[in-house]
Amino acid sequence: MIYWIVVGLIAGWLAGLVMKGGGYGVLVDIILGILGGLLGGWLFGRLGIWPGGGILGSIVVAFLGAVILVGFLPEPCSSGTNGSPAYPPFLI
């Protein structure tokens, strides 16, 4: 369990860094990384490839899956009060 949390945190943070210039926060990074790992594992399995390499391979797969997920996330809504982005409540 700790292994997947660590992999999820690293992969989610890297995906946030690449896709938007920073992470989404620890909890969302972990969730994004774990979901990215599931998507990446499924996708790599369907393609018949696996990078191997223990934790590094897991981070690569989770990172690629998380990047795909971030690509499908909606853009933040404008809060209107101070112009800072605000995500819909179901994404917080």
PDB file of N, CA and C in Angstrom:
ATOM      1  N   MET A   1       0.829  -1.192   0.000  1.00  0.00           N
ATOM      2  CA  MET A   1       0.000   0.000   0.000  1.00  0.00           C
ATOM      3  C   MET A   1       0.873   1.255   0.000  1.00  0.00           C
ATOM      4  N   ILE A   2       1.883   1.282   0.842  1.00  0.00           N
ATOM      5  CA  ILE A   2       2.792   2.423   0.891  1.00  0.00           C
ATOM      6  C   ILE A   2       3.493   2.580  -0.460  1.00  0.00           C
ATOM      7  N   TYR A   3       3.845   1.465  -1.083  1.00  0.00           N
ATOM      8  CA  TYR A   3       4.505   1.472  -2.385  1.00  0.00           C
ATOM      9  C   TYR A   3       3.654   2.225  -3.405  1.00  0.00           C
ATOM     10  N   TRP A   4       2.354   1.918  -3.488  1.00  0.00           N
ATOM     11  CA  TRP A   4       1.480   2.557  -4.468  1.00  0.00           C
ATOM     12  C   TRP A   4       1.242   4.021  -4.146  1.00  0.00           C
ATOM     13  N   ILE A   5       1.226   4.375  -2.871  1.00  0.00           N
ATOM     14  CA  ILE A   5       1.080   5.779  -2.491  1.00  0.00           C
ATOM     15  C   ILE A   5       2.310   6.571  -2.925  1.00  0.00           C
ATOM     16  N   VAL A   6       3.489   6.012  -2.696  1.00  0.00           N
ATOM     17  CA  VAL A   6       4.730   6.689  -3.093  1.00  0.00           C
ATOM     18  C   VAL A   6       4.808   6.806  -4.613  1.00  0.00           C
ATOM     19  N   VAL A   7       4.528   5.705  -5.313  1.00  0.00           N
ATOM     20  CA  VAL A   7       4.530   5.740  -6.779  1.00  0.00           C
ATOM     21  C   VAL A   7       3.489   6.734  -7.284  1.00  0.00           C
ATOM     22  N   GLY A   8       2.299   6.706  -6.702  1.00  0.00           N
ATOM     23  CA  GLY A   8       1.238   7.630  -7.100  1.00  0.00           C
ATOM     24  C   GLY A   8       1.610   9.073  -6.864  1.00  0.00           C
ATOM     25  N   LEU A   9       2.220   9.360  -5.727  1.00  0.00           N
ATOM     26  CA  LEU A   9       2.623  10.724  -5.416  1.00  0.00           C
ATOM     27  C   LEU A   9       3.657  11.228  -6.424  1.00  0.00           C
ATOM     28  N   ILE A  10       4.660  10.431  -6.688  1.00  0.00           N
ATOM     29  CA  ILE A  10       5.711  10.834  -7.628  1.00  0.00           C
ATOM     30  C   ILE A  10       5.146  10.992  -9.035  1.00  0.00           C
ATOM     31  N   ALA A  11       4.391  10.010  -9.487  1.00  0.00           N
ATOM     32  CA  ALA A  11       3.837  10.058 -10.846  1.00  0.00           C
ATOM     33  C   ALA A  11       2.835  11.202 -11.001  1.00  0.00           C
ATOM     34  N   GLY A  12       1.972  11.407 -10.027  1.00  0.00           N
ATOM     35  CA  GLY A  12       0.997  12.496 -10.093  1.00  0.00           C
ATOM     36  C   GLY A  12       1.661  13.856 -10.073  1.00  0.00           C
ATOM     37  N   TRP A  13       2.684  14.000  -9.235  1.00  0.00           N
ATOM     38  CA  TRP A  13       3.405  15.266  -9.169  1.00  0.00           C
ATOM     39  C   TRP A  13       4.127  15.546 -10.487  1.00  0.00           C
ATOM     40  N   LEU A  14       4.793  14.526 -11.034  1.00  0.00           N
ATOM     41  CA  LEU A  14       5.484  14.700 -12.320  1.00  0.00           C
ATOM     42  C   LEU A  14       4.499  15.047 -13.432  1.00  0.00           C
ATOM     43  N   ALA A  15       3.353  14.392 -13.455  1.00  0.00           N
ATOM     44  CA  ALA A  15       2.340  14.681 -14.480  1.00  0.00           C
ATOM     45  C   ALA A  15       1.829  16.113 -14.338  1.00  0.00           C
ATOM     46  N   GLY A  16       1.583  16.548 -13.110  1.00  0.00           N
ATOM     47  CA  GLY A  16       1.153  17.921 -12.884  1.00  0.00           C
ATOM     48  C   GLY A  16       2.221  18.916 -13.290  1.00  0.00           C
ATOM     49  N   LEU A  17       3.465  18.587 -13.014  1.00  0.00           N
ATOM     50  CA  LEU A  17       4.581  19.452 -13.370  1.00  0.00           C
ATOM     51  C   LEU A  17       4.708  19.601 -14.885  1.00  0.00           C
ATOM     52  N   VAL A  18       4.596  18.493 -15.594  1.00  0.00           N
ATOM     53  CA  VAL A  18       4.724  18.507 -17.049  1.00  0.00           C
ATOM     54  C   VAL A  18       3.515  19.159 -17.708  1.00  0.00           C
ATOM     55  N   MET A  19       2.329  18.863 -17.218  1.00  0.00           N
ATOM     56  CA  MET A  19       1.112  19.309 -17.895  1.00  0.00           C
ATOM     57  C   MET A  19       0.667  20.718 -17.500  1.00  0.00           C
ATOM     58  N   LYS A  20       0.962  21.155 -16.286  1.00  0.00           N
ATOM     59  CA  LYS A  20       0.483  22.478 -15.883  1.00  0.00           C
ATOM     60  C   LYS A  20       1.517  23.316 -15.169  1.00  0.00           C
ATOM     61  N   GLY A  21       2.715  22.817 -14.980  1.00  0.00           N
ATOM     62  CA  GLY A  21       3.778  23.597 -14.363  1.00  0.00           C
ATOM     63  C   GLY A  21       3.904  23.427 -12.860  1.00  0.00           C
ATOM     64  N   GLY A  22       3.111  22.577 -12.249  1.00  0.00           N
ATOM     65  CA  GLY A  22       3.185  22.323 -10.809  1.00  0.00           C
ATOM     66  C   GLY A  22       2.242  21.215 -10.429  1.00  0.00           C
ATOM     67  N   GLY A  23       2.407  20.689  -9.239  1.00  0.00           N
ATOM     68  CA  GLY A  23       1.526  19.620  -8.774  1.00  0.00           C
ATOM     69  C   GLY A  23       0.138  20.140  -8.453  1.00  0.00           C
ATOM     70  N   TYR A  24      -0.767  19.227  -8.146  1.00  0.00           N
ATOM     71  CA  TYR A  24      -2.152  19.564  -7.817  1.00  0.00           C
ATOM     72  C   TYR A  24      -2.405  19.559  -6.315  1.00  0.00           C
ATOM     73  N   GLY A  25      -1.398  19.279  -5.535  1.00  0.00           N
ATOM     74  CA  GLY A  25      -1.564  19.090  -4.097  1.00  0.00           C
ATOM     75  C   GLY A  25      -1.331  17.622  -3.791  1.00  0.00           C
ATOM     76  N   VAL A  26      -0.881  17.327  -2.603  1.00  0.00           N
ATOM     77  CA  VAL A  26      -0.451  15.971  -2.258  1.00  0.00           C
ATOM     78  C   VAL A  26      -1.551  14.939  -2.484  1.00  0.00           C
ATOM     79  N   LEU A  27      -2.737  15.178  -1.974  1.00  0.00           N
ATOM     80  CA  LEU A  27      -3.811  14.189  -2.088  1.00  0.00           C
ATOM     81  C   LEU A  27      -4.209  13.946  -3.537  1.00  0.00           C
ATOM     82  N   VAL A  28      -4.405  15.015  -4.297  1.00  0.00           N
ATOM     83  CA  VAL A  28      -4.799  14.857  -5.704  1.00  0.00           C
ATOM     84  C   VAL A  28      -3.666  14.235  -6.506  1.00  0.00           C
ATOM     85  N   ASP A  29      -2.404  14.585  -6.199  1.00  0.00           N
ATOM     86  CA  ASP A  29      -1.266  13.962  -6.874  1.00  0.00           C
ATOM     87  C   ASP A  29      -1.243  12.453  -6.650  1.00  0.00           C
ATOM     88  N   ILE A  30      -1.499  12.032  -5.418  1.00  0.00           N
ATOM     89  CA  ILE A  30      -1.514  10.595  -5.098  1.00  0.00           C
ATOM     90  C   ILE A  30      -2.637   9.903  -5.861  1.00  0.00           C
ATOM     91  N   ILE A  31      -3.842  10.478  -5.810  1.00  0.00           N
ATOM     92  CA  ILE A  31      -4.992   9.873  -6.501  1.00  0.00           C
ATOM     93  C   ILE A  31      -4.753   9.830  -7.998  1.00  0.00           C
ATOM     94  N   LEU A  32      -4.264  10.938  -8.548  1.00  0.00           N
ATOM     95  CA  LEU A  32      -3.978  11.014  -9.977  1.00  0.00           C
ATOM     96  C   LEU A  32      -2.927   9.987 -10.383  1.00  0.00           C
ATOM     97  N   GLY A  33      -1.889   9.845  -9.577  1.00  0.00           N
ATOM     98  CA  GLY A  33      -0.833   8.876  -9.870  1.00  0.00           C
ATOM     99  C   GLY A  33      -1.319   7.440  -9.795  1.00  0.00           C
ATOM    100  N   ILE A  34      -2.142   7.127  -8.801  1.00  0.00           N
ATOM    101  CA  ILE A  34      -2.669   5.765  -8.670  1.00  0.00           C
ATOM    102  C   ILE A  34      -3.613   5.451  -9.823  1.00  0.00           C
ATOM    103  N   LEU A  35      -4.519   6.394 -10.135  1.00  0.00           N
ATOM    104  CA  LEU A  35      -5.411   6.180 -11.288  1.00  0.00           C
ATOM    105  C   LEU A  35      -4.612   6.123 -12.588  1.00  0.00           C
ATOM    106  N   GLY A  36      -3.581   6.942 -12.677  1.00  0.00           N
ATOM    107  CA  GLY A  36      -2.699   6.895 -13.838  1.00  0.00           C
ATOM    108  C   GLY A  36      -1.982   5.557 -13.951  1.00  0.00           C
ATOM    109  N   GLY A  37      -1.607   4.989 -12.811  1.00  0.00           N
ATOM    110  CA  GLY A  37      -0.982   3.671 -12.811  1.00  0.00           C
ATOM    111  C   GLY A  37      -1.931   2.591 -13.307  1.00  0.00           C
ATOM    112  N   LEU A  38      -3.191   2.684 -12.895  1.00  0.00           N
ATOM    113  CA  LEU A  38      -4.181   1.724 -13.378  1.00  0.00           C
ATOM    114  C   LEU A  38      -4.389   1.866 -14.888  1.00  0.00           C
ATOM    115  N   LEU A  39      -4.552   3.116 -15.339  1.00  0.00           N
ATOM    116  CA  LEU A  39      -4.741   3.355 -16.767  1.00  0.00           C
ATOM    117  C   LEU A  39      -3.500   2.963 -17.557  1.00  0.00           C
ATOM    118  N   GLY A  40      -2.336   3.370 -17.081  1.00  0.00           N
ATOM    119  CA  GLY A  40      -1.085   3.033 -17.760  1.00  0.00           C
ATOM    120  C   GLY A  40      -0.846   1.532 -17.804  1.00  0.00           C
ATOM    121  N   GLY A  41      -1.113   0.857 -16.689  1.00  0.00           N
ATOM    122  CA  GLY A  41      -0.946  -0.600 -16.656  1.00  0.00           C
ATOM    123  C   GLY A  41      -1.877  -1.298 -17.628  1.00  0.00           C
ATOM    124  N   TRP A  42      -3.119  -0.832 -17.684  1.00  0.00           N
ATOM    125  CA  TRP A  42      -4.081  -1.411 -18.618  1.00  0.00           C
ATOM    126  C   TRP A  42      -3.643  -1.153 -20.062  1.00  0.00           C
ATOM    127  N   LEU A  43      -3.255   0.095 -20.339  1.00  0.00           N
ATOM    128  CA  LEU A  43      -2.860   0.472 -21.694  1.00  0.00           C
ATOM    129  C   LEU A  43      -1.608  -0.274 -22.143  1.00  0.00           C
ATOM    130  N   PHE A  44      -0.590  -0.325 -21.282  1.00  0.00           N
ATOM    131  CA  PHE A  44       0.633  -1.046 -21.626  1.00  0.00           C
ATOM    132  C   PHE A  44       0.349  -2.533 -21.824  1.00  0.00           C
ATOM    133  N   GLY A  45      -0.536  -3.093 -20.992  1.00  0.00           N
ATOM    134  CA  GLY A  45      -0.917  -4.497 -21.133  1.00  0.00           C
ATOM    135  C   GLY A  45      -1.609  -4.765 -22.461  1.00  0.00           C
ATOM    136  N   ARG A  46      -2.492  -3.855 -22.875  1.00  0.00           N
ATOM    137  CA  ARG A  46      -3.193  -4.002 -24.156  1.00  0.00           C
ATOM    138  C   ARG A  46      -2.210  -3.922 -25.325  1.00  0.00           C
ATOM    139  N   LEU A  47      -1.168  -3.114 -25.152  1.00  0.00           N
ATOM    140  CA  LEU A  47      -0.160  -2.973 -26.208  1.00  0.00           C
ATOM    141  C   LEU A  47       0.890  -4.080 -26.158  1.00  0.00           C
ATOM    142  N   GLY A  48       0.871  -4.875 -25.095  1.00  0.00           N
ATOM    143  CA  GLY A  48       1.801  -5.991 -24.960  1.00  0.00           C
ATOM    144  C   GLY A  48       3.209  -5.580 -24.558  1.00  0.00           C
ATOM    145  N   ILE A  49       3.347  -4.430 -23.905  1.00  0.00           N
ATOM    146  CA  ILE A  49       4.665  -3.976 -23.463  1.00  0.00           C
ATOM    147  C   ILE A  49       4.644  -3.682 -21.971  1.00  0.00           C
ATOM    148  N   TRP A  50       5.784  -3.798 -21.351  1.00  0.00           N
ATOM    149  CA  TRP A  50       5.950  -3.452 -19.951  1.00  0.00           C
ATOM    150  C   TRP A  50       7.388  -3.003 -19.750  1.00  0.00           C
ATOM    151  N   PRO A  51       7.593  -1.808 -19.173  1.00  0.00           N
ATOM    152  CA  PRO A  51       8.949  -1.290 -19.060  1.00  0.00           C
ATOM    153  C   PRO A  51       9.817  -2.014 -18.041  1.00  0.00           C
ATOM    154  N   GLY A  52       9.212  -2.754 -17.105  1.00  0.00           N
ATOM    155  CA  GLY A  52       9.995  -3.438 -16.079  1.00  0.00           C
ATOM    156  C   GLY A  52      10.709  -2.435 -15.186  1.00  0.00           C
ATOM    157  N   GLY A  53      11.747  -2.839 -14.523  1.00  0.00           N
ATOM    158  CA  GLY A  53      12.563  -1.931 -13.737  1.00  0.00           C
ATOM    159  C   GLY A  53      12.059  -1.629 -12.342  1.00  0.00           C
ATOM    160  N   GLY A  54      11.191  -2.453 -11.770  1.00  0.00           N
ATOM    161  CA  GLY A  54      10.738  -2.253 -10.393  1.00  0.00           C
ATOM    162  C   GLY A  54       9.995  -0.953 -10.205  1.00  0.00           C
ATOM    163  N   ILE A  55      10.412  -0.177  -9.199  1.00  0.00           N
ATOM    164  CA  ILE A  55       9.697   1.051  -8.869  1.00  0.00           C
ATOM    165  C   ILE A  55       9.842   2.085  -9.986  1.00  0.00           C
ATOM    166  N   LEU A  56      10.977   2.138 -10.646  1.00  0.00           N
ATOM    167  CA  LEU A  56      11.173   3.100 -11.734  1.00  0.00           C
ATOM    168  C   LEU A  56      10.226   2.805 -12.897  1.00  0.00           C
ATOM    169  N   GLY A  57      10.087   1.531 -13.252  1.00  0.00           N
ATOM    170  CA  GLY A  57       9.145   1.151 -14.305  1.00  0.00           C
ATOM    171  C   GLY A  57       7.715   1.472 -13.924  1.00  0.00           C
ATOM    172  N   SER A  58       7.369   1.255 -12.649  1.00  0.00           N
ATOM    173  CA  SER A  58       6.027   1.575 -12.165  1.00  0.00           C
ATOM    174  C   SER A  58       5.764   3.074 -12.234  1.00  0.00           C
ATOM    175  N   ILE A  59       6.762   3.874 -11.887  1.00  0.00           N
ATOM    176  CA  ILE A  59       6.603   5.327 -11.955  1.00  0.00           C
ATOM    177  C   ILE A  59       6.411   5.777 -13.395  1.00  0.00           C
ATOM    178  N   VAL A  60       7.163   5.186 -14.327  1.00  0.00           N
ATOM    179  CA  VAL A  60       7.029   5.546 -15.746  1.00  0.00           C
ATOM    180  C   VAL A  60       5.622   5.235 -16.246  1.00  0.00           C
ATOM    181  N   VAL A  61       5.132   4.037 -15.953  1.00  0.00           N
ATOM    182  CA  VAL A  61       3.793   3.635 -16.388  1.00  0.00           C
ATOM    183  C   VAL A  61       2.733   4.534 -15.754  1.00  0.00           C
ATOM    184  N   ALA A  62       2.837   4.769 -14.445  1.00  0.00           N
ATOM    185  CA  ALA A  62       1.873   5.618 -13.753  1.00  0.00           C
ATOM    186  C   ALA A  62       1.940   7.055 -14.259  1.00  0.00           C
ATOM    187  N   PHE A  63       3.148   7.535 -14.532  1.00  0.00           N
ATOM    188  CA  PHE A  63       3.316   8.895 -15.059  1.00  0.00           C
ATOM    189  C   PHE A  63       2.633   9.043 -16.416  1.00  0.00           C
ATOM    190  N   LEU A  64       2.860   8.104 -17.305  1.00  0.00           N
ATOM    191  CA  LEU A  64       2.235   8.185 -18.634  1.00  0.00           C
ATOM    192  C   LEU A  64       0.711   8.110 -18.530  1.00  0.00           C
ATOM    193  N   GLY A  65       0.210   7.237 -17.672  1.00  0.00           N
ATOM    194  CA  GLY A  65      -1.235   7.155 -17.458  1.00  0.00           C
ATOM    195  C   GLY A  65      -1.785   8.437 -16.854  1.00  0.00           C
ATOM    196  N   ALA A  66      -1.045   9.027 -15.898  1.00  0.00           N
ATOM    197  CA  ALA A  66      -1.497  10.268 -15.269  1.00  0.00           C
ATOM    198  C   ALA A  66      -1.487  11.433 -16.258  1.00  0.00           C
ATOM    199  N   VAL A  67      -0.505  11.464 -17.158  1.00  0.00           N
ATOM    200  CA  VAL A  67      -0.466  12.512 -18.183  1.00  0.00           C
ATOM    201  C   VAL A  67      -1.702  12.409 -19.079  1.00  0.00           C
ATOM    202  N   ILE A  68      -2.070  11.194 -19.429  1.00  0.00           N
ATOM    203  CA  ILE A  68      -3.278  10.993 -20.236  1.00  0.00           C
ATOM    204  C   ILE A  68      -4.505  11.493 -19.461  1.00  0.00           C
ATOM    205  N   LEU A  69      -4.588  11.154 -18.160  1.00  0.00           N
ATOM    206  CA  LEU A  69      -5.717  11.613 -17.348  1.00  0.00           C
ATOM    207  C   LEU A  69      -5.753  13.134 -17.230  1.00  0.00           C
ATOM    208  N   VAL A  70      -4.602  13.752 -16.998  1.00  0.00           N
ATOM    209  CA  VAL A  70      -4.557  15.205 -16.867  1.00  0.00           C
ATOM    210  C   VAL A  70      -5.003  15.859 -18.173  1.00  0.00           C
ATOM    211  N   GLY A  71      -4.677  15.236 -19.288  1.00  0.00           N
ATOM    212  CA  GLY A  71      -5.108  15.765 -20.575  1.00  0.00           C
ATOM    213  C   GLY A  71      -6.619  15.802 -20.722  1.00  0.00           C
ATOM    214  N   PHE A  72      -7.321  14.943 -19.986  1.00  0.00           N
ATOM    215  CA  PHE A  72      -8.784  14.896 -20.060  1.00  0.00           C
ATOM    216  C   PHE A  72      -9.473  15.661 -18.930  1.00  0.00           C
ATOM    217  N   LEU A  73      -8.707  16.180 -17.954  1.00  0.00           N
ATOM    218  CA  LEU A  73      -9.311  16.956 -16.878  1.00  0.00           C
ATOM    219  C   LEU A  73      -9.815  18.287 -17.423  1.00  0.00           C
ATOM    220  N   PRO A  74     -10.941  18.759 -16.900  1.00  0.00           N
ATOM    221  CA  PRO A  74     -11.433  20.071 -17.347  1.00  0.00           C
ATOM    222  C   PRO A  74     -10.515  21.185 -16.864  1.00  0.00           C
ATOM    223  N   GLU A  75     -10.476  22.269 -17.601  1.00  0.00           N
ATOM    224  CA  GLU A  75      -9.711  23.440 -17.177  1.00  0.00           C
ATOM    225  C   GLU A  75     -10.355  24.016 -15.926  1.00  0.00           C
ATOM    226  N   PRO A  76      -9.549  24.645 -15.064  1.00  0.00           N
ATOM    227  CA  PRO A  76     -10.137  25.259 -13.866  1.00  0.00           C
ATOM    228  C   PRO A  76     -11.106  26.375 -14.237  1.00  0.00           C
ATOM    229  N   CYS A  77     -12.153  26.503 -13.441  1.00  0.00           N
ATOM    230  CA  CYS A  77     -13.119  27.583 -13.631  1.00  0.00           C
ATOM    231  C   CYS A  77     -12.577  28.829 -12.944  1.00  0.00           C
ATOM    232  N   SER A  78     -12.936  29.981 -13.421  1.00  0.00           N
ATOM    233  CA  SER A  78     -12.546  31.216 -12.755  1.00  0.00           C
ATOM    234  C   SER A  78     -13.467  31.432 -11.570  1.00  0.00           C
ATOM    235  N   SER A  79     -12.891  31.710 -10.424  1.00  0.00           N
ATOM    236  CA  SER A  79     -13.707  31.915  -9.223  1.00  0.00           C
ATOM    237  C   SER A  79     -14.434  33.249  -9.263  1.00  0.00           C
ATOM    238  N   GLY A  80     -13.935  34.197 -10.039  1.00  0.00           N
ATOM    239  CA  GLY A  80     -14.587  35.479 -10.177  1.00  0.00           C
ATOM    240  C   GLY A  80     -14.243  36.473  -9.082  1.00  0.00           C
ATOM    241  N   THR A  81     -13.758  36.000  -7.931  1.00  0.00           N
ATOM    242  CA  THR A  81     -13.467  36.914  -6.840  1.00  0.00           C
ATOM    243  C   THR A  81     -12.094  37.546  -6.986  1.00  0.00           C
ATOM    244  N   ASN A  82     -11.089  36.730  -7.161  1.00  0.00           N
ATOM    245  CA  ASN A  82      -9.744  37.281  -7.300  1.00  0.00           C
ATOM    246  C   ASN A  82      -9.051  36.761  -8.569  1.00  0.00           C
ATOM    247  N   GLY A  83      -9.794  36.121  -9.434  1.00  0.00           N
ATOM    248  CA  GLY A  83      -9.243  35.629 -10.689  1.00  0.00           C
ATOM    249  C   GLY A  83      -8.445  34.349 -10.572  1.00  0.00           C
ATOM    250  N   SER A  84      -8.306  33.808  -9.355  1.00  0.00           N
ATOM    251  CA  SER A  84      -7.560  32.563  -9.205  1.00  0.00           C
ATOM    252  C   SER A  84      -8.433  31.395  -9.652  1.00  0.00           C
ATOM    253  N   PRO A  85      -7.813  30.358 -10.214  1.00  0.00           N
ATOM    254  CA  PRO A  85      -8.615  29.236 -10.691  1.00  0.00           C
ATOM    255  C   PRO A  85      -9.249  28.475  -9.540  1.00  0.00           C
ATOM    256  N   ALA A  86     -10.440  27.985  -9.774  1.00  0.00           N
ATOM    257  CA  ALA A  86     -11.147  27.170  -8.783  1.00  0.00           C
ATOM    258  C   ALA A  86     -11.714  25.963  -9.503  1.00  0.00           C
ATOM    259  N   TYR A  87     -11.368  24.796  -9.033  1.00  0.00           N
ATOM    260  CA  TYR A  87     -11.880  23.579  -9.645  1.00  0.00           C
ATOM    261  C   TYR A  87     -13.295  23.325  -9.163  1.00  0.00           C
ATOM    262  N   PRO A  88     -14.091  22.644  -9.970  1.00  0.00           N
ATOM    263  CA  PRO A  88     -15.431  22.259  -9.507  1.00  0.00           C
ATOM    264  C   PRO A  88     -15.298  21.421  -8.231  1.00  0.00           C
ATOM    265  N   PRO A  89     -16.292  21.450  -7.355  1.00  0.00           N
ATOM    266  CA  PRO A  89     -16.201  20.772  -6.053  1.00  0.00           C
ATOM    267  C   PRO A  89     -15.892  19.279  -6.145  1.00  0.00           C
ATOM    268  N   PHE A  90     -16.310  18.600  -7.211  1.00  0.00           N
ATOM    269  CA  PHE A  90     -16.072  17.164  -7.289  1.00  0.00           C
ATOM    270  C   PHE A  90     -14.612  16.842  -7.577  1.00  0.00           C
ATOM    271  N   LEU A  91     -13.787  17.811  -7.941  1.00  0.00           N
ATOM    272  CA  LEU A  91     -12.370  17.568  -8.197  1.00  0.00           C
ATOM    273  C   LEU A  91     -11.485  17.947  -7.029  1.00  0.00           C
ATOM    274  N   ILE A  92     -12.058  18.467  -5.967  1.00  0.00           N
ATOM    275  CA  ILE A  92     -11.244  18.918  -4.825  1.00  0.00           C
ATOM    276  C   ILE A  92     -11.145  17.823  -3.808  1.00  0.00           C
TER     277      ILE A  92
END
